[in-house]
Each structure stands twice: as structure tokens, then as C-alpha cells.
PDB file of all heavy atoms in Angstrom:
ATOM      1  N   VAL A   1      65.969  97.223  77.943  1.00  0.00           N
ATOM      2  CA  VAL A   1      65.876  98.347  77.063  1.00  0.00           C
ATOM      3  C   VAL A   1      67.237  98.596  76.402  1.00  0.00           C
ATOM      4  O   VAL A   1      68.245  98.515  77.074  1.00  0.00           O
ATOM      5  CB  VAL A   1      65.391  99.621  77.850  1.00  0.00           C
ATOM      6  CG1 VAL A   1      65.336 100.827  76.942  1.00  0.00           C
ATOM      7  CG2 VAL A   1      64.031  99.374  78.482  1.00  0.00           C
ATOM      8  N   GLY A   2      67.216  98.868  75.110  1.00  0.00           N
ATOM      9  CA  GLY A   2      68.477  99.096  74.446  1.00  0.00           C
ATOM     10  C   GLY A   2      69.131  97.843  73.885  1.00  0.00           C
ATOM     11  O   GLY A   2      70.345  97.746  73.824  1.00  0.00           O
ATOM     12  N   GLY A   3      68.252  96.858  73.534  1.00  0.00           N
ATOM     13  CA  GLY A   3      68.792  95.655  72.921  1.00  0.00           C
ATOM     14  C   GLY A   3      69.204  94.589  73.895  1.00  0.00           C
ATOM     15  O   GLY A   3      69.994  93.698  73.550  1.00  0.00           O
ATOM     16  N   GLY A   4      68.738  94.663  75.121  1.00  0.00           N
ATOM     17  CA  GLY A   4      69.108  93.701  76.127  1.00  0.00           C
ATOM     18  C   GLY A   4      68.318  92.384  76.029  1.00  0.00           C
ATOM     19  O   GLY A   4      68.114  91.853  74.946  1.00  0.00           O
ATOM     20  N   GLY A   5      67.824  91.866  77.152  1.00  0.00           N
ATOM     21  CA  GLY A   5      67.182  90.566  77.193  1.00  0.00           C
ATOM     22  C   GLY A   5      65.854  90.520  76.444  1.00  0.00           C
ATOM     23  O   GLY A   5      65.341  91.574  76.003  1.00  0.00           O
ATOM     24  N   ARG A   6      65.327  89.334  76.264  1.00  0.00           N
ATOM     25  CA  ARG A   6      64.112  89.119  75.497  1.00  0.00           C
ATOM     26  C   ARG A   6      62.892  89.491  76.309  1.00  0.00           C
ATOM     27  O   ARG A   6      62.759  89.129  77.476  1.00  0.00           O
ATOM     28  CB  ARG A   6      64.015  87.670  75.055  1.00  0.00           C
ATOM     29  CG  ARG A   6      62.845  87.350  74.167  1.00  0.00           C
ATOM     30  CD  ARG A   6      63.015  87.935  72.750  1.00  0.00           C
ATOM     31  NE  ARG A   6      64.020  87.162  72.020  1.00  0.00           N
ATOM     32  CZ  ARG A   6      64.320  87.440  70.730  1.00  0.00           C
ATOM     33  NH1 ARG A   6      63.705  88.421  70.093  1.00  0.00           N
ATOM     34  NH2 ARG A   6      65.261  86.739  70.124  1.00  0.00           N
ATOM     35  N   VAL A   7      61.965  90.234  75.688  1.00  0.00           N
ATOM     36  CA  VAL A   7      60.679  90.592  76.295  1.00  0.00           C
ATOM     37  C   VAL A   7      59.596  89.789  75.604  1.00  0.00           C
ATOM     38  O   VAL A   7      59.396  89.909  74.398  1.00  0.00           O
ATOM     39  CB  VAL A   7      60.406  92.077  76.175  1.00  0.00           C
ATOM     40  CG1 VAL A   7      59.035  92.439  76.775  1.00  0.00           C
ATOM     41  CG2 VAL A   7      61.512  92.909  76.895  1.00  0.00           C
ATOM     42  N   MET A   8      58.917  88.925  76.372  1.00  0.00           N
ATOM     43  CA  MET A   8      57.836  88.110  75.849  1.00  0.00           C
ATOM     44  C   MET A   8      56.518  88.867  75.964  1.00  0.00           C
ATOM     45  O   MET A   8      56.056  89.113  77.079  1.00  0.00           O
ATOM     46  CB  MET A   8      57.778  86.792  76.634  1.00  0.00           C
ATOM     47  CG  MET A   8      59.120  86.066  76.807  1.00  0.00           C
ATOM     48  SD  MET A   8      59.795  85.464  75.244  1.00  0.00           S
ATOM     49  CE  MET A   8      58.608  84.165  74.830  1.00  0.00           C
ATOM     50  N   VAL A   9      55.946  89.230  74.827  1.00  0.00           N
ATOM     51  CA  VAL A   9      54.734  90.065  74.837  1.00  0.00           C
ATOM     52  C   VAL A   9      53.534  89.209  74.494  1.00  0.00           C
ATOM     53  O   VAL A   9      53.392  88.680  73.368  1.00  0.00           O
ATOM     54  CB  VAL A   9      54.872  91.203  73.807  1.00  0.00           C
ATOM     55  CG1 VAL A   9      53.610  92.051  73.838  1.00  0.00           C
ATOM     56  CG2 VAL A   9      56.119  92.049  74.120  1.00  0.00           C
ATOM     57  N   ARG A  10      52.633  89.052  75.492  1.00  0.00           N
ATOM     58  CA  ARG A  10      51.387  88.343  75.234  1.00  0.00           C
ATOM     59  C   ARG A  10      50.449  89.311  74.502  1.00  0.00           C
ATOM     60  O   ARG A  10      50.099  90.361  75.044  1.00  0.00           O
ATOM     61  CB  ARG A  10      50.778  87.867  76.545  1.00  0.00           C
ATOM     62  CG  ARG A  10      51.628  86.871  77.330  1.00  0.00           C
ATOM     63  CD  ARG A  10      50.887  86.434  78.579  1.00  0.00           C
ATOM     64  NE  ARG A  10      51.600  85.458  79.361  1.00  0.00           N
ATOM     65  CZ  ARG A  10      52.312  85.738  80.444  1.00  0.00           C
ATOM     66  NH1 ARG A  10      52.368  87.001  80.878  1.00  0.00           N
ATOM     67  NH2 ARG A  10      52.940  84.821  81.107  1.00  0.00           N
ATOM     68  N   ILE A  11      50.019  88.940  73.318  1.00  0.00           N
ATOM     69  CA  ILE A  11      49.247  89.883  72.470  1.00  0.00           C
ATOM     70  C   ILE A  11      48.548  89.085  71.414  1.00  0.00           C
ATOM     71  O   ILE A  11      49.049  87.983  71.017  1.00  0.00           O
ATOM     72  CB  ILE A  11      50.189  90.950  71.855  1.00  0.00           C
ATOM     73  CG1 ILE A  11      49.442  92.164  71.407  1.00  0.00           C
ATOM     74  CG2 ILE A  11      51.084  90.352  70.800  1.00  0.00           C
ATOM     75  CD1 ILE A  11      50.363  93.351  71.144  1.00  0.00           C
ATOM     76  N   GLN A  12      47.403  89.540  70.924  1.00  0.00           N
ATOM     77  CA  GLN A  12      46.641  88.751  69.947  1.00  0.00           C
ATOM     78  C   GLN A  12      46.267  89.546  68.674  1.00  0.00           C
ATOM     79  O   GLN A  12      46.428  89.035  67.546  1.00  0.00           O
ATOM     80  CB  GLN A  12      45.330  88.246  70.583  1.00  0.00           C
ATOM     81  CG  GLN A  12      45.521  87.424  71.848  1.00  0.00           C
ATOM     82  CD  GLN A  12      46.118  86.050  71.598  1.00  0.00           C
ATOM     83  OE1 GLN A  12      46.274  85.609  70.464  1.00  0.00           O
ATOM     84  NE2 GLN A  12      46.453  85.337  72.668  1.00  0.00           N
ATOM     85  N   ARG A  13      45.768  90.751  68.798  1.00  0.00           N
ATOM     86  CA  ARG A  13      45.145  91.471  67.686  1.00  0.00           C
ATOM     87  C   ARG A  13      46.203  92.053  66.756  1.00  0.00           C
ATOM     88  O   ARG A  13      47.243  92.563  67.188  1.00  0.00           O
ATOM     89  CB  ARG A  13      44.246  92.598  68.239  1.00  0.00           C
ATOM     90  CG  ARG A  13      43.253  93.164  67.263  1.00  0.00           C
ATOM     91  CD  ARG A  13      42.262  94.042  67.966  1.00  0.00           C
ATOM     92  NE  ARG A  13      42.840  95.350  68.339  1.00  0.00           N
ATOM     93  CZ  ARG A  13      42.140  96.321  68.906  1.00  0.00           C
ATOM     94  NH1 ARG A  13      40.837  96.148  69.162  1.00  0.00           N
ATOM     95  NH2 ARG A  13      42.693  97.465  69.224  1.00  0.00           N
ATOM     96  N   ALA A  14      45.923  92.020  65.477  1.00  0.00           N
ATOM     97  CA  ALA A  14      46.865  92.474  64.463  1.00  0.00           C
ATOM     98  C   ALA A  14      47.277  93.920  64.670  1.00  0.00           C
ATOM     99  O   ALA A  14      48.499  94.271  64.584  1.00  0.00           O
ATOM    100  CB  ALA A  14      46.319  92.278  63.075  1.00  0.00           C
ATOM    101  N   SER A  15      46.346  94.805  64.941  1.00  0.00           N
ATOM    102  CA  SER A  15      46.676  96.217  65.099  1.00  0.00           C
ATOM    103  C   SER A  15      47.560  96.465  66.318  1.00  0.00           C
ATOM    104  O   SER A  15      48.486  97.278  66.316  1.00  0.00           O
ATOM    105  CB  SER A  15      45.397  97.074  65.226  1.00  0.00           C
ATOM    106  OG  SER A  15      44.637  96.618  66.319  1.00  0.00           O
ATOM    107  N   ASP A  16      47.320  95.652  67.394  1.00  0.00           N
ATOM    108  CA  ASP A  16      48.172  95.783  68.590  1.00  0.00           C
ATOM    109  C   ASP A  16      49.578  95.281  68.274  1.00  0.00           C
ATOM    110  O   ASP A  16      50.555  95.782  68.786  1.00  0.00           O
ATOM    111  CB  ASP A  16      47.547  94.982  69.725  1.00  0.00           C
ATOM    112  CG  ASP A  16      46.238  95.579  70.230  1.00  0.00           C
ATOM    113  OD1 ASP A  16      46.073  96.821  70.092  1.00  0.00           O
ATOM    114  OD2 ASP A  16      45.406  94.823  70.758  1.00  0.00           O
ATOM    115  N   ILE A  17      49.656  94.220  67.472  1.00  0.00           N
ATOM    116  CA  ILE A  17      50.969  93.665  67.107  1.00  0.00           C
ATOM    117  C   ILE A  17      51.776  94.712  66.347  1.00  0.00           C
ATOM    118  O   ILE A  17      52.972  94.896  66.592  1.00  0.00           O
ATOM    119  CB  ILE A  17      50.767  92.368  66.270  1.00  0.00           C
ATOM    120  CG1 ILE A  17      50.226  91.245  67.152  1.00  0.00           C
ATOM    121  CG2 ILE A  17      52.123  91.950  65.640  1.00  0.00           C
ATOM    122  CD1 ILE A  17      49.840  90.015  66.390  1.00  0.00           C
ATOM    123  N   VAL A  18      51.150  95.408  65.404  1.00  0.00           N
ATOM    124  CA  VAL A  18      51.864  96.432  64.659  1.00  0.00           C
ATOM    125  C   VAL A  18      52.364  97.536  65.594  1.00  0.00           C
ATOM    126  O   VAL A  18      53.504  97.992  65.462  1.00  0.00           O
ATOM    127  CB  VAL A  18      50.969  97.026  63.559  1.00  0.00           C
ATOM    128  CG1 VAL A  18      51.653  98.243  62.930  1.00  0.00           C
ATOM    129  CG2 VAL A  18      50.672  95.985  62.497  1.00  0.00           C
ATOM    130  N   ARG A  19      51.564  97.908  66.549  1.00  0.00           N
ATOM    131  CA  ARG A  19      51.943  98.973  67.485  1.00  0.00           C
ATOM    132  C   ARG A  19      53.137  98.511  68.356  1.00  0.00           C
ATOM    133  O   ARG A  19      54.042  99.290  68.636  1.00  0.00           O
ATOM    134  CB  ARG A  19      50.764  99.396  68.353  1.00  0.00           C
ATOM    135  CG  ARG A  19      49.748 100.226  67.601  1.00  0.00           C
ATOM    136  CD  ARG A  19      48.710 100.859  68.536  1.00  0.00           C
ATOM    137  NE  ARG A  19      47.841 101.772  67.788  1.00  0.00           N
ATOM    138  CZ  ARG A  19      46.703 101.393  67.231  1.00  0.00           C
ATOM    139  NH1 ARG A  19      46.303 100.143  67.329  1.00  0.00           N
ATOM    140  NH2 ARG A  19      45.994 102.288  66.567  1.00  0.00           N
ATOM    141  N   VAL A  20      53.099  97.252  68.785  1.00  0.00           N
ATOM    142  CA  VAL A  20      54.217  96.827  69.655  1.00  0.00           C
ATOM    143  C   VAL A  20      55.492  96.655  68.824  1.00  0.00           C
ATOM    144  O   VAL A  20      56.577  96.870  69.344  1.00  0.00           O
ATOM    145  CB  VAL A  20      53.838  95.526  70.430  1.00  0.00           C
ATOM    146  CG1 VAL A  20      53.962  94.279  69.531  1.00  0.00           C
ATOM    147  CG2 VAL A  20      54.740  95.372  71.628  1.00  0.00           C
ATOM    148  N   LEU A  21      55.347  96.319  67.534  1.00  0.00           N
ATOM    149  CA  LEU A  21      56.538  96.267  66.684  1.00  0.00           C
ATOM    150  C   LEU A  21      57.166  97.647  66.551  1.00  0.00           C
ATOM    151  O   LEU A  21      58.394  97.838  66.653  1.00  0.00           O
ATOM    152  CB  LEU A  21      56.208  95.718  65.319  1.00  0.00           C
ATOM    153  CG  LEU A  21      55.807  94.254  65.233  1.00  0.00           C
ATOM    154  CD1 LEU A  21      55.346  93.888  63.807  1.00  0.00           C
ATOM    155  CD2 LEU A  21      56.936  93.323  65.657  1.00  0.00           C
ATOM    156  N   ARG A  22      56.311  98.661  66.368  1.00  0.00           N
ATOM    157  CA  ARG A  22      56.828 100.039  66.259  1.00  0.00           C
ATOM    158  C   ARG A  22      57.462 100.499  67.568  1.00  0.00           C
ATOM    159  O   ARG A  22      58.508 101.100  67.612  1.00  0.00           O
ATOM    160  CB  ARG A  22      55.652 100.990  65.903  1.00  0.00           C
ATOM    161  CG  ARG A  22      55.086 100.813  64.511  1.00  0.00           C
ATOM    162  CD  ARG A  22      53.881 101.713  64.336  1.00  0.00           C
ATOM    163  NE  ARG A  22      53.304 101.614  63.011  1.00  0.00           N
ATOM    164  CZ  ARG A  22      52.150 102.185  62.637  1.00  0.00           C
ATOM    165  NH1 ARG A  22      51.487 102.932  63.506  1.00  0.00           N
ATOM    166  NH2 ARG A  22      51.702 102.060  61.417  1.00  0.00           N
ATOM    167  N   TRP A  23      56.780 100.182  68.662  1.00  0.00           N
ATOM    168  CA  TRP A  23      57.281 100.570  69.986  1.00  0.00           C
ATOM    169  C   TRP A  23      58.624  99.908  70.272  1.00  0.00           C
ATOM    170  O   TRP A  23      59.571 100.591  70.732  1.00  0.00           O
ATOM    171  CB  TRP A  23      56.274 100.172  71.046  1.00  0.00           C
ATOM    172  CG  TRP A  23      56.680 100.469  72.452  1.00  0.00           C
ATOM    173  CD1 TRP A  23      56.453 101.658  73.104  1.00  0.00           C
ATOM    174  CD2 TRP A  23      57.361  99.632  73.376  1.00  0.00           C
ATOM    175  NE1 TRP A  23      57.005 101.576  74.390  1.00  0.00           N
ATOM    176  CE2 TRP A  23      57.540 100.353  74.560  1.00  0.00           C
ATOM    177  CE3 TRP A  23      57.832  98.310  73.305  1.00  0.00           C
ATOM    178  CZ2 TRP A  23      58.186  99.805  75.676  1.00  0.00           C
ATOM    179  CZ3 TRP A  23      58.457  97.773  74.373  1.00  0.00           C
ATOM    180  CH2 TRP A  23      58.635  98.491  75.569  1.00  0.00           C
ATOM    181  N   ALA A  24      58.756  98.665  69.959  1.00  0.00           N
ATOM    182  CA  ALA A  24      59.995  97.935  70.226  1.00  0.00           C
ATOM    183  C   ALA A  24      61.131  98.460  69.357  1.00  0.00           C
ATOM    184  O   ALA A  24      62.266  98.595  69.830  1.00  0.00           O
ATOM    185  CB  ALA A  24      59.811  96.440  69.944  1.00  0.00           C
ATOM    186  N   LYS A  25      60.837  98.802  68.126  1.00  0.00           N
ATOM    187  CA  LYS A  25      61.876  99.356  67.232  1.00  0.00           C
ATOM    188  C   LYS A  25      62.349 100.711  67.732  1.00  0.00           C
ATOM    189  O   LYS A  25      63.567 101.002  67.771  1.00  0.00           O
ATOM    190  CB  LYS A  25      61.357  99.448  65.811  1.00  0.00           C
ATOM    191  CG  LYS A  25      62.402 100.014  64.830  1.00  0.00           C
ATOM    192  CD  LYS A  25      61.856 100.044  63.407  1.00  0.00           C
ATOM    193  CE  LYS A  25      62.880 100.584  62.433  1.00  0.00           C
ATOM    194  NZ  LYS A  25      62.354 100.652  61.051  1.00  0.00           N
ATOM    195  N   ALA A  26      61.414 101.558  68.124  1.00  0.00           N
ATOM    196  CA  ALA A  26      61.750 102.913  68.558  1.00  0.00           C
ATOM    197  C   ALA A  26      62.561 102.928  69.832  1.00  0.00           C
ATOM    198  O   ALA A  26      63.404 103.821  70.040  1.00  0.00           O
ATOM    199  CB  ALA A  26      60.478 103.729  68.734  1.00  0.00           C
ATOM    200  N   ARG A  27      62.386 101.919  70.673  1.00  0.00           N
ATOM    201  CA  ARG A  27      63.041 101.890  71.961  1.00  0.00           C
ATOM    202  C   ARG A  27      64.096 100.761  72.078  1.00  0.00           C
ATOM    203  O   ARG A  27      64.629 100.509  73.128  1.00  0.00           O
ATOM    204  CB  ARG A  27      62.007 101.751  73.085  1.00  0.00           C
ATOM    205  CG  ARG A  27      61.205 103.066  73.242  1.00  0.00           C
ATOM    206  CD  ARG A  27      59.825 102.809  73.710  1.00  0.00           C
ATOM    207  NE  ARG A  27      59.033 104.078  73.723  1.00  0.00           N
ATOM    208  CZ  ARG A  27      58.456 104.554  72.610  1.00  0.00           C
ATOM    209  NH1 ARG A  27      58.544 103.920  71.458  1.00  0.00           N
ATOM    210  NH2 ARG A  27      57.760 105.672  72.660  1.00  0.00           N
ATOM    211  N   ASN A  28      64.354 100.138  70.919  1.00  0.00           N
ATOM    212  CA  ASN A  28      65.407  99.093  70.841  1.00  0.00           C
ATOM    213  C   ASN A  28      65.170  98.018  71.909  1.00  0.00           C
ATOM    214  O   ASN A  28      66.054  97.717  72.709  1.00  0.00           O
ATOM    215  CB  ASN A  28      66.792  99.711  71.004  1.00  0.00           C
ATOM    216  CG  ASN A  28      67.906  98.738  70.560  1.00  0.00           C
ATOM    217  OD1 ASN A  28      67.632  97.707  69.925  1.00  0.00           O
ATOM    218  ND2 ASN A  28      69.116  99.012  70.970  1.00  0.00           N
ATOM    219  N   VAL A  29      63.993  97.442  71.856  1.00  0.00           N
ATOM    220  CA  VAL A  29      63.621  96.350  72.776  1.00  0.00           C
ATOM    221  C   VAL A  29      63.428  95.088  71.973  1.00  0.00           C
ATOM    222  O   VAL A  29      62.753  95.070  70.957  1.00  0.00           O
ATOM    223  CB  VAL A  29      62.308  96.690  73.526  1.00  0.00           C
ATOM    224  CG1 VAL A  29      61.883  95.502  74.414  1.00  0.00           C
ATOM    225  CG2 VAL A  29      62.462  97.954  74.357  1.00  0.00           C
ATOM    226  N   ARG A  30      64.110  94.002  72.419  1.00  0.00           N
ATOM    227  CA  ARG A  30      64.046  92.701  71.714  1.00  0.00           C
ATOM    228  C   ARG A  30      62.803  91.934  72.212  1.00  0.00           C
ATOM    229  O   ARG A  30      62.798  91.451  73.320  1.00  0.00           O
ATOM    230  CB  ARG A  30      65.315  91.877  71.979  1.00  0.00           C
ATOM    231  CG  ARG A  30      66.566  92.492  71.394  1.00  0.00           C
ATOM    232  CD  ARG A  30      67.789  91.707  71.804  1.00  0.00           C
ATOM    233  NE  ARG A  30      67.723  90.282  71.359  1.00  0.00           N
ATOM    234  CZ  ARG A  30      67.700  89.261  72.172  1.00  0.00           C
ATOM    235  NH1 ARG A  30      67.729  89.407  73.508  1.00  0.00           N
ATOM    236  NH2 ARG A  30      67.640  88.042  71.704  1.00  0.00           N
ATOM    237  N   ILE A  31      61.805  91.854  71.347  1.00  0.00           N
ATOM    238  CA  ILE A  31      60.555  91.204  71.794  1.00  0.00           C
ATOM    239  C   ILE A  31      60.368  89.872  71.088  1.00  0.00           C
ATOM    240  O   ILE A  31      60.987  89.569  70.066  1.00  0.00           O
ATOM    241  CB  ILE A  31      59.360  92.107  71.500  1.00  0.00           C
ATOM    242  CG1 ILE A  31      59.166  92.361  69.991  1.00  0.00           C
ATOM    243  CG2 ILE A  31      59.458  93.418  72.262  1.00  0.00           C
ATOM    244  CD1 ILE A  31      57.868  93.031  69.651  1.00  0.00           C
ATOM    245  N   ALA A  32      59.524  89.065  71.663  1.00  0.00           N
ATOM    246  CA  ALA A  32      58.933  87.906  71.036  1.00  0.00           C
ATOM    247  C   ALA A  32      57.407  87.997  71.278  1.00  0.00           C
ATOM    248  O   ALA A  32      56.999  88.509  72.318  1.00  0.00           O
ATOM    249  CB  ALA A  32      59.488  86.576  71.592  1.00  0.00           C
ATOM    250  N   LEU A  33      56.612  87.522  70.349  1.00  0.00           N
ATOM    251  CA  LEU A  33      55.164  87.570  70.500  1.00  0.00           C
ATOM    252  C   LEU A  33      54.655  86.221  70.984  1.00  0.00           C
ATOM    253  O   LEU A  33      55.118  85.175  70.539  1.00  0.00           O
ATOM    254  CB  LEU A  33      54.497  87.898  69.143  1.00  0.00           C
ATOM    255  CG  LEU A  33      54.963  89.183  68.469  1.00  0.00           C
ATOM    256  CD1 LEU A  33      54.214  89.375  67.148  1.00  0.00           C
ATOM    257  CD2 LEU A  33      54.792  90.413  69.376  1.00  0.00           C
ATOM    258  N   VAL A  34      53.714  86.271  71.906  1.00  0.00           N
ATOM    259  CA  VAL A  34      53.118  85.074  72.497  1.00  0.00           C
ATOM    260  C   VAL A  34      51.626  85.100  72.254  1.00  0.00           C
ATOM    261  O   VAL A  34      50.969  86.077  72.618  1.00  0.00           O
ATOM    262  CB  VAL A  34      53.443  84.966  73.997  1.00  0.00           C
ATOM    263  CG1 VAL A  34      52.795  83.734  74.602  1.00  0.00           C
ATOM    264  CG2 VAL A  34      54.941  84.996  74.226  1.00  0.00           C
ATOM    265  N   GLY A  35      51.112  84.000  71.707  1.00  0.00           N
ATOM    266  CA  GLY A  35      49.695  83.942  71.359  1.00  0.00           C
ATOM    267  C   GLY A  35      49.503  84.364  69.905  1.00  0.00           C
ATOM    268  O   GLY A  35      49.403  83.543  69.041  1.00  0.00           O
ATOM    269  N   ALA A  36      49.443  85.692  69.687  1.00  0.00           N
ATOM    270  CA  ALA A  36      49.502  86.268  68.339  1.00  0.00           C
ATOM    271  C   ALA A  36      48.530  85.603  67.373  1.00  0.00           C
ATOM    272  O   ALA A  36      48.912  85.230  66.258  1.00  0.00           O
ATOM    273  CB  ALA A  36      50.931  86.202  67.819  1.00  0.00           C
TER     274      ALA A  36
END
């Protein structure tokens, strides 16, 4: 949290992807999407 290590998010649906992008930006979490 706060720009630290990479968080690998297993996720598929477009609407869920948008929500996790918002969540990661608001909490400064460095994510990568898996599956997608």
C-alpha cells in the first residue's frame, strides 16, 4: 500500500477492471491484471 510492491489481481470482467483501477489509484497500489 502506498506505491510498494506489485499486486497481481486476477480479474476478468470489464466493469470489475474499471473498479480495481479506481481502487488502486485512490489507495496508491501498484497492480497488474491477470486474465483480464
